[in-house]
């Protein structure tokens, strides 16, 4: 990693959200990208932030268990009595 001024890093962190969201002017984006080429730490921060945003915005996939698998699981975990009581109290699942 080449030596550089960490003041640039502080400036990058101050505009990180706008940069990732594509809200900065093109000339400022080019400056940031030039800085990122020479600064591994800032690249890591930008990539981690982007990945975190992608994960948060990704639709949650919930696959329903087939009834027979659910039944075996509940029996194995002794949850069938608990679920019956919950359903009889009108709390549904």
C-alpha atoms as a PDB file:
ATOM      1  CA  UNK A   1       0.000   0.000   0.000  1.00  0.00           C
ATOM      2  CA  UNK A   2       1.445   3.344  -0.956  1.00  0.00           C
ATOM      3  CA  UNK A   3       1.808   6.192   1.520  1.00  0.00           C
ATOM      4  CA  UNK A   4      -0.882   8.821   1.309  1.00  0.00           C
ATOM      5  CA  UNK A   5      -2.567  11.461   3.410  1.00  0.00           C
ATOM      6  CA  UNK A   6      -5.164  10.052   5.726  1.00  0.00           C
ATOM      7  CA  UNK A   7      -6.963  13.384   5.488  1.00  0.00           C
ATOM      8  CA  UNK A   8      -8.226  12.051   2.156  1.00  0.00           C
ATOM      9  CA  UNK A   9      -9.578   9.014   3.988  1.00  0.00           C
ATOM     10  CA  UNK A  10     -11.507  11.244   6.380  1.00  0.00           C
ATOM     11  CA  UNK A  11     -12.942  13.206   3.445  1.00  0.00           C
ATOM     12  CA  UNK A  12     -13.968   9.959   1.748  1.00  0.00           C
ATOM     13  CA  UNK A  13     -15.744   8.713   4.852  1.00  0.00           C
ATOM     14  CA  UNK A  14     -17.619  12.014   5.018  1.00  0.00           C
ATOM     15  CA  UNK A  15     -19.045  11.466   1.530  1.00  0.00           C
ATOM     16  CA  UNK A  16     -19.287   7.681   1.583  1.00  0.00           C
ATOM     17  CA  UNK A  17     -23.069   7.450   1.661  1.00  0.00           C
ATOM     18  CA  UNK A  18     -23.535   9.913  -1.186  1.00  0.00           C
ATOM     19  CA  UNK A  19     -20.782   8.195  -3.193  1.00  0.00           C
ATOM     20  CA  UNK A  20     -22.347   4.750  -2.838  1.00  0.00           C
ATOM     21  CA  UNK A  21     -25.795   6.143  -3.630  1.00  0.00           C
ATOM     22  CA  UNK A  22     -24.450   7.807  -6.801  1.00  0.00           C
ATOM     23  CA  UNK A  23     -25.394  11.290  -5.594  1.00  0.00           C
ATOM     24  CA  UNK A  24     -21.997  12.985  -6.038  1.00  0.00           C
ATOM     25  CA  UNK A  25     -20.845  14.947  -9.080  1.00  0.00           C
ATOM     26  CA  UNK A  26     -18.800  12.937 -11.590  1.00  0.00           C
ATOM     27  CA  UNK A  27     -15.586  14.874 -10.912  1.00  0.00           C
ATOM     28  CA  UNK A  28     -15.763  14.128  -7.188  1.00  0.00           C
ATOM     29  CA  UNK A  29     -16.507  10.455  -7.910  1.00  0.00           C
ATOM     30  CA  UNK A  30     -13.366  10.316 -10.058  1.00  0.00           C
ATOM     31  CA  UNK A  31     -11.313  11.782  -7.211  1.00  0.00           C
ATOM     32  CA  UNK A  32     -12.730   9.210  -4.805  1.00  0.00           C
ATOM     33  CA  UNK A  33     -12.088   6.361  -7.239  1.00  0.00           C
ATOM     34  CA  UNK A  34      -8.496   7.547  -7.693  1.00  0.00           C
ATOM     35  CA  UNK A  35      -8.093   7.551  -3.908  1.00  0.00           C
ATOM     36  CA  UNK A  36      -9.604   4.059  -3.681  1.00  0.00           C
ATOM     37  CA  UNK A  37      -7.066   2.750  -6.194  1.00  0.00           C
ATOM     38  CA  UNK A  38      -4.268   3.562  -3.766  1.00  0.00           C
ATOM     39  CA  UNK A  39      -5.950   2.990  -0.423  1.00  0.00           C
ATOM     40  CA  UNK A  40      -6.787  -0.559   0.537  1.00  0.00           C
ATOM     41  CA  UNK A  41      -8.395   0.467   3.834  1.00  0.00           C
ATOM     42  CA  UNK A  42     -10.887   2.769   2.136  1.00  0.00           C
ATOM     43  CA  UNK A  43     -11.619   0.118  -0.518  1.00  0.00           C
ATOM     44  CA  UNK A  44     -12.443  -2.314   2.272  1.00  0.00           C
ATOM     45  CA  UNK A  45     -14.752   0.222   3.923  1.00  0.00           C
ATOM     46  CA  UNK A  46     -16.540   1.003   0.646  1.00  0.00           C
ATOM     47  CA  UNK A  47     -16.895  -2.664  -0.342  1.00  0.00           C
ATOM     48  CA  UNK A  48     -18.086  -3.689   3.115  1.00  0.00           C
ATOM     49  CA  UNK A  49     -20.613  -0.859   3.204  1.00  0.00           C
ATOM     50  CA  UNK A  50     -21.927  -1.760  -0.255  1.00  0.00           C
ATOM     51  CA  UNK A  51     -22.236  -5.416   0.682  1.00  0.00           C
ATOM     52  CA  UNK A  52     -24.040  -4.536   3.911  1.00  0.00           C
ATOM     53  CA  UNK A  53     -26.513  -2.359   2.011  1.00  0.00           C
ATOM     54  CA  UNK A  54     -27.077  -5.161  -0.516  1.00  0.00           C
ATOM     55  CA  UNK A  55     -27.770  -7.647   2.268  1.00  0.00           C
ATOM     56  CA  UNK A  56     -30.166  -5.335   4.079  1.00  0.00           C
ATOM     57  CA  UNK A  57     -32.074  -4.524   0.897  1.00  0.00           C
ATOM     58  CA  UNK A  58     -32.201  -8.116  -0.372  1.00  0.00           C
ATOM     59  CA  UNK A  59     -35.648  -9.663  -0.121  1.00  0.00           C
ATOM     60  CA  UNK A  60     -35.864 -12.189   2.656  1.00  0.00           C
ATOM     61  CA  UNK A  61     -36.481 -15.649   1.313  1.00  0.00           C
ATOM     62  CA  UNK A  62     -38.600 -17.779   3.543  1.00  0.00           C
ATOM     63  CA  UNK A  63     -39.164 -21.289   2.375  1.00  0.00           C
ATOM     64  CA  UNK A  64     -42.052 -23.086   4.017  1.00  0.00           C
ATOM     65  CA  UNK A  65     -41.286 -26.493   5.409  1.00  0.00           C
ATOM     66  CA  UNK A  66     -43.272 -29.353   3.927  1.00  0.00           C
ATOM     67  CA  UNK A  67     -45.932 -30.507   6.409  1.00  0.00           C
ATOM     68  CA  UNK A  68     -44.300 -33.878   7.042  1.00  0.00           C
ATOM     69  CA  UNK A  69     -40.923 -32.269   7.785  1.00  0.00           C
ATOM     70  CA  UNK A  70     -42.551 -29.712  10.073  1.00  0.00           C
ATOM     71  CA  UNK A  71     -44.424 -32.435  11.938  1.00  0.00           C
ATOM     72  CA  UNK A  72     -41.282 -34.550  12.448  1.00  0.00           C
ATOM     73  CA  UNK A  73     -39.318 -31.500  13.580  1.00  0.00           C
ATOM     74  CA  UNK A  74     -41.960 -30.464  16.106  1.00  0.00           C
ATOM     75  CA  UNK A  75     -42.172 -33.986  17.475  1.00  0.00           C
ATOM     76  CA  UNK A  76     -38.394 -34.239  17.738  1.00  0.00           C
ATOM     77  CA  UNK A  77     -38.239 -30.904  19.555  1.00  0.00           C
ATOM     78  CA  UNK A  78     -41.327 -31.737  21.630  1.00  0.00           C
ATOM     79  CA  UNK A  79     -43.035 -28.617  20.296  1.00  0.00           C
ATOM     80  CA  UNK A  80     -46.280 -30.272  19.264  1.00  0.00           C
ATOM     81  CA  UNK A  81     -47.835 -29.783  22.736  1.00  0.00           C
ATOM     82  CA  UNK A  82     -46.686 -26.164  22.851  1.00  0.00           C
ATOM     83  CA  UNK A  83     -48.164 -25.443  19.434  1.00  0.00           C
ATOM     84  CA  UNK A  84     -51.473 -27.090  20.290  1.00  0.00           C
ATOM     85  CA  UNK A  85     -51.724 -24.924  23.418  1.00  0.00           C
ATOM     86  CA  UNK A  86     -50.817 -21.796  21.479  1.00  0.00           C
ATOM     87  CA  UNK A  87     -53.432 -22.525  18.820  1.00  0.00           C
ATOM     88  CA  UNK A  88     -56.117 -23.336  21.392  1.00  0.00           C
ATOM     89  CA  UNK A  89     -55.470 -19.961  23.070  1.00  0.00           C
ATOM     90  CA  UNK A  90     -56.133 -18.201  19.757  1.00  0.00           C
ATOM     91  CA  UNK A  91     -52.564 -17.012  19.261  1.00  0.00           C
ATOM     92  CA  UNK A  92     -52.100 -18.712  15.887  1.00  0.00           C
ATOM     93  CA  UNK A  93     -48.731 -19.134  14.216  1.00  0.00           C
END
